[in-house]
């Protein structure tokens, strides 16, 4: 079922011209947040809702990013933003 939904999404995006000839994705939303900012926002959301902070295996993703020639840089940026915001929020709590 999931694969059918994924197929339909890719087909819809392809038909609407959201993929370039090298098959990379282009967002139509120019105001979208960077991956770093998305990580920060997720940390703020977790903090405000009282959830425990998540632990993402940063070193593993940095290694995989190196192996796969920076193909997962977005994930690394998200993790960096999340961890940055965690440290900032924890520092604010101490004061």
Protein backbone atom coordinates (compact mmCIF):
# COMPACT_ATOMS: atom_id res chain seq x y z
CA UNK A 1 0.00 0.00 0.00
CA UNK A 2 2.79 2.41 0.93
CA UNK A 3 4.61 1.76 -2.34
CA UNK A 4 1.49 2.60 -4.34
CA UNK A 5 1.16 5.93 -2.54
CA UNK A 6 4.85 6.63 -3.08
CA UNK A 7 4.50 5.78 -6.77
CA UNK A 8 1.48 8.08 -7.12
CA UNK A 9 3.35 10.94 -5.40
CA UNK A 10 6.40 10.56 -7.64
CA UNK A 11 4.22 10.32 -10.75
CA UNK A 12 2.26 13.42 -9.72
CA UNK A 13 5.46 15.39 -9.07
CA UNK A 14 6.99 14.22 -12.35
CA UNK A 15 3.93 15.17 -14.37
CA UNK A 16 3.91 18.62 -12.76
CA UNK A 17 7.55 19.25 -13.69
CA UNK A 18 9.03 19.06 -10.20
CA UNK A 19 11.97 16.90 -11.29
CA UNK A 20 14.85 18.13 -13.41
CA UNK A 21 16.54 16.00 -16.06
CA UNK A 22 19.02 14.71 -13.48
CA UNK A 23 16.02 13.47 -11.43
CA UNK A 24 16.59 15.84 -8.53
CA UNK A 25 13.59 17.37 -6.79
CA UNK A 26 12.78 21.08 -6.96
CA UNK A 27 10.42 22.57 -4.45
CA UNK A 28 7.96 25.20 -5.62
CA UNK A 29 7.96 26.75 -2.16
CA UNK A 30 10.70 29.38 -2.10
CA UNK A 31 9.93 30.21 1.55
CA UNK A 32 10.64 26.70 2.80
CA UNK A 33 12.97 26.34 5.76
CA UNK A 34 16.48 24.98 5.41
CA UNK A 35 17.09 21.49 6.73
CA UNK A 36 19.09 23.00 9.61
CA UNK A 37 16.12 25.22 10.52
CA UNK A 38 13.74 22.25 10.27
CA UNK A 39 15.91 20.43 12.81
CA UNK A 40 15.83 23.46 15.11
CA UNK A 41 12.06 23.72 14.76
CA UNK A 42 11.61 20.01 15.58
CA UNK A 43 13.73 20.41 18.73
CA UNK A 44 11.65 23.41 19.79
CA UNK A 45 8.45 21.45 19.17
CA UNK A 46 9.73 18.51 21.24
CA UNK A 47 10.77 20.88 24.02
CA UNK A 48 7.47 22.79 24.12
CA UNK A 49 5.39 19.61 24.11
CA UNK A 50 7.44 18.14 26.96
CA UNK A 51 8.72 15.23 24.90
CA UNK A 52 12.16 13.78 25.49
CA UNK A 53 14.75 14.91 23.00
CA UNK A 54 15.59 12.40 20.31
CA UNK A 55 19.09 11.05 19.83
CA UNK A 56 20.09 10.88 16.19
CA UNK A 57 23.27 8.92 15.35
CA UNK A 58 25.14 11.91 13.91
CA UNK A 59 28.47 10.16 13.34
CA UNK A 60 26.78 7.32 11.48
CA UNK A 61 25.02 9.73 9.14
CA UNK A 62 28.17 11.77 8.60
CA UNK A 63 30.01 8.58 7.65
CA UNK A 64 27.19 7.48 5.32
CA UNK A 65 27.11 10.95 3.80
CA UNK A 66 30.82 10.63 3.04
CA UNK A 67 30.39 7.14 1.58
CA UNK A 68 27.45 8.16 -0.58
CA UNK A 69 29.15 11.33 -1.83
CA UNK A 70 27.00 13.83 0.12
CA UNK A 71 23.71 12.33 -1.06
CA UNK A 72 22.22 12.54 2.46
CA UNK A 73 23.48 16.01 3.36
CA UNK A 74 19.91 17.09 4.16
CA UNK A 75 19.71 14.55 6.98
CA UNK A 76 23.07 15.66 8.39
CA UNK A 77 21.93 19.30 8.29
CA UNK A 78 18.67 18.40 10.07
CA UNK A 79 20.57 16.56 12.81
CA UNK A 80 22.99 19.47 13.21
CA UNK A 81 20.08 21.91 13.59
CA UNK A 82 18.31 19.63 16.06
CA UNK A 83 21.43 19.19 18.20
CA UNK A 84 22.24 22.92 18.06
CA UNK A 85 18.77 23.82 19.33
CA UNK A 86 18.91 21.18 22.08
CA UNK A 87 22.15 22.72 23.41
CA UNK A 88 20.68 26.22 23.19
CA UNK A 89 17.49 25.24 25.03
CA UNK A 90 19.40 23.35 27.72
CA UNK A 91 21.68 26.35 28.21
CA UNK A 92 18.62 28.60 28.62
CA UNK A 93 17.17 26.23 31.24
CA UNK A 94 20.34 26.47 33.32
CA UNK A 95 20.08 30.26 33.49
